[in-house]
Amino acid sequence: MTSEAGQSPPDTEAALELRDGYLYARLVPGFEITPERMNRLWKQLGEACEKHQVRHVLTEGAVSGRRMTTMDSCENAAAAARLAPGLAMACFVQWHVPDQQTDFFKIAAMSHGVRVDFFAKLEEALRWLGIRPTAT
């Protein structure tokens, strides 16, 4: 799903890797939360989840900003449900401080059957997904 150099292919929003029980999505550098980029991310995740028959996703990376209105968040939640039905996505994202819009998006996504939550610790995100970290 990623190139040999570990880079994501052009026109993608994340480098994807199938892991034991879930899909790992590493956001591309400079990722900004916008309606267009989120729609591309949902499409990319939906296709990969369908191909590999998984519905749990861990998203990790840094976010450079967010340009979303409340209406954008509502429409984006519906897009997530269309493109990645039944998805559970744990977000371990640097520089994203959850706020009222984040909470609104989580509720809107849940109303469409998609579970999304944001975490400050990787272990908490994996636990929420029901994934037990492997011993190293």
Protein backbone atom coordinates (compact mmCIF):
# COMPACT_ATOMS: atom_id res chain seq x y z
CA MET A 1 0.00 0.00 0.00
CA THR A 2 2.99 2.27 0.35
CA SER A 3 5.93 2.57 -1.97
CA GLU A 4 9.21 0.87 -1.18
CA ALA A 5 10.60 4.15 0.14
CA GLY A 6 7.68 4.39 2.56
CA GLN A 7 6.23 7.42 0.78
CA SER A 8 2.55 7.67 -0.01
CA PRO A 9 1.60 7.65 -3.70
CA PRO A 10 0.72 11.00 -5.31
CA ASP A 11 -2.82 12.30 -4.69
CA THR A 12 -3.19 10.42 -1.40
CA GLU A 13 -3.69 11.82 2.05
CA ALA A 14 -2.02 9.01 4.01
CA ALA A 15 0.42 6.17 3.65
CA LEU A 16 -1.48 2.99 4.53
CA GLU A 17 -0.25 -0.19 6.13
CA LEU A 18 -2.28 -3.25 7.05
CA ARG A 19 -1.48 -4.31 10.60
CA ASP A 20 -2.78 -7.08 12.81
CA GLY A 21 -6.49 -6.30 13.10
CA TYR A 22 -6.47 -2.77 11.77
CA LEU A 23 -5.36 -0.36 9.08
CA TYR A 24 -2.65 2.12 9.98
CA ALA A 25 -2.89 5.48 8.21
CA ARG A 26 0.08 7.86 8.46
CA LEU A 27 -1.05 11.33 7.36
CA VAL A 28 1.09 13.01 4.69
CA PRO A 29 3.29 15.90 5.85
CA GLY A 30 1.44 19.21 5.82
CA PHE A 31 -2.00 17.60 6.08
CA GLU A 32 -4.68 20.23 6.65
CA ILE A 33 -8.23 19.38 7.64
CA THR A 34 -10.39 20.73 4.81
CA PRO A 35 -13.55 19.31 3.23
CA GLU A 36 -11.69 18.30 0.06
CA ARG A 37 -8.77 16.62 1.79
CA MET A 38 -11.01 14.81 4.27
CA ASN A 39 -13.19 13.51 1.41
CA ARG A 40 -10.05 12.15 -0.29
CA LEU A 41 -8.93 10.57 2.98
CA TRP A 42 -12.33 8.91 3.55
CA LYS A 43 -12.27 7.57 0.00
CA GLN A 44 -8.75 6.22 0.42
CA LEU A 45 -9.61 4.61 3.76
CA GLY A 46 -12.89 3.19 2.48
CA GLU A 47 -11.21 1.53 -0.50
CA ALA A 48 -8.43 0.06 1.65
CA CYS A 49 -10.85 -1.16 4.33
CA GLU A 50 -12.99 -2.84 1.68
CA LYS A 51 -9.99 -4.44 -0.01
CA HIS A 52 -8.58 -5.82 3.25
CA GLN A 53 -11.92 -6.45 4.99
CA VAL A 54 -11.08 -4.34 8.06
CA ARG A 55 -13.13 -1.61 9.72
CA HIS A 56 -10.69 -0.37 12.37
CA VAL A 57 -8.26 2.43 11.48
CA LEU A 58 -5.55 4.15 13.46
CA THR A 59 -4.67 7.54 11.98
CA GLU A 60 -1.41 9.13 13.05
CA GLY A 61 0.36 12.29 12.00
CA ALA A 62 0.52 16.02 12.33
CA VAL A 63 -2.16 18.44 11.24
CA SER A 64 -1.08 21.83 9.95
CA GLY A 65 -4.52 23.40 10.40
CA ARG A 66 -8.26 23.08 9.94
CA ARG A 67 -10.56 24.99 7.61
CA MET A 68 -13.99 23.47 8.21
CA THR A 69 -17.33 25.06 9.01
CA THR A 70 -19.95 23.28 11.10
CA MET A 71 -21.81 22.48 7.87
CA ASP A 72 -18.58 21.08 6.38
CA SER A 73 -18.23 18.81 9.41
CA CYS A 74 -21.79 17.56 9.02
CA GLU A 75 -21.35 16.89 5.30
CA ASN A 76 -17.98 15.27 5.97
CA ALA A 77 -19.52 12.88 8.49
CA ALA A 78 -22.06 11.80 5.86
CA ALA A 79 -19.24 11.35 3.33
CA ALA A 80 -17.35 9.17 5.81
CA ALA A 81 -20.40 6.93 6.16
CA ARG A 82 -20.79 6.62 2.38
CA LEU A 83 -17.11 6.00 1.65
CA ALA A 84 -16.15 3.96 4.73
CA PRO A 85 -19.36 2.48 6.21
CA GLY A 86 -19.05 1.00 9.69
CA LEU A 87 -15.62 2.53 10.23
CA ALA A 88 -14.07 2.98 13.67
CA MET A 89 -11.18 5.46 13.45
CA ALA A 90 -8.90 6.41 16.33
CA CYS A 91 -6.93 9.59 15.65
CA PHE A 92 -3.54 10.10 17.26
CA VAL A 93 -2.81 13.47 15.70
CA GLN A 94 -0.20 16.01 16.74
CA TRP A 95 -1.17 19.67 16.99
CA HIS A 96 -4.89 18.94 16.86
CA VAL A 97 -6.63 20.22 19.96
CA PRO A 98 -10.15 18.79 20.16
CA ASP A 99 -12.76 21.51 20.52
CA GLN A 100 -16.52 22.00 20.07
CA GLN A 101 -16.26 21.41 16.31
CA THR A 102 -14.37 18.17 16.94
CA ASP A 103 -17.11 17.06 19.32
CA PHE A 104 -19.78 18.03 16.77
CA PHE A 105 -18.03 16.00 14.07
CA LYS A 106 -17.79 12.94 16.35
CA ILE A 107 -21.52 13.15 17.09
CA ALA A 108 -22.42 13.71 13.42
CA ALA A 109 -20.22 10.78 12.36
CA MET A 110 -21.79 8.53 15.03
CA SER A 111 -25.26 9.47 13.77
CA HIS A 112 -24.16 8.08 10.38
CA GLY A 113 -22.67 4.88 11.84
CA VAL A 114 -19.00 5.94 11.87
CA ARG A 115 -17.12 6.07 15.16
CA VAL A 116 -14.27 8.59 15.41
CA ASP A 117 -12.33 9.73 18.44
CA PHE A 118 -9.13 11.67 19.14
CA PHE A 119 -6.39 10.62 21.53
CA ALA A 120 -3.29 12.14 23.12
CA LYS A 121 -1.68 8.73 23.67
CA LEU A 122 -1.16 5.95 21.15
CA GLU A 123 -1.96 3.24 23.72
CA GLU A 124 -5.35 4.84 24.44
CA ALA A 125 -6.17 4.99 20.73
CA LEU A 126 -5.34 1.31 20.24
CA ARG A 127 -7.32 0.33 23.34
CA TRP A 128 -10.36 2.26 22.05
CA LEU A 129 -10.10 0.31 18.77
CA GLY A 130 -9.94 -2.95 20.72
CA ILE A 131 -6.36 -3.62 19.61
CA ARG A 132 -3.86 -5.01 22.07
CA PRO A 133 -0.36 -3.68 21.47
CA THR A 134 2.10 -6.44 20.60
CA ALA A 135 5.04 -6.97 22.90
CA THR A 136 8.37 -5.93 21.46
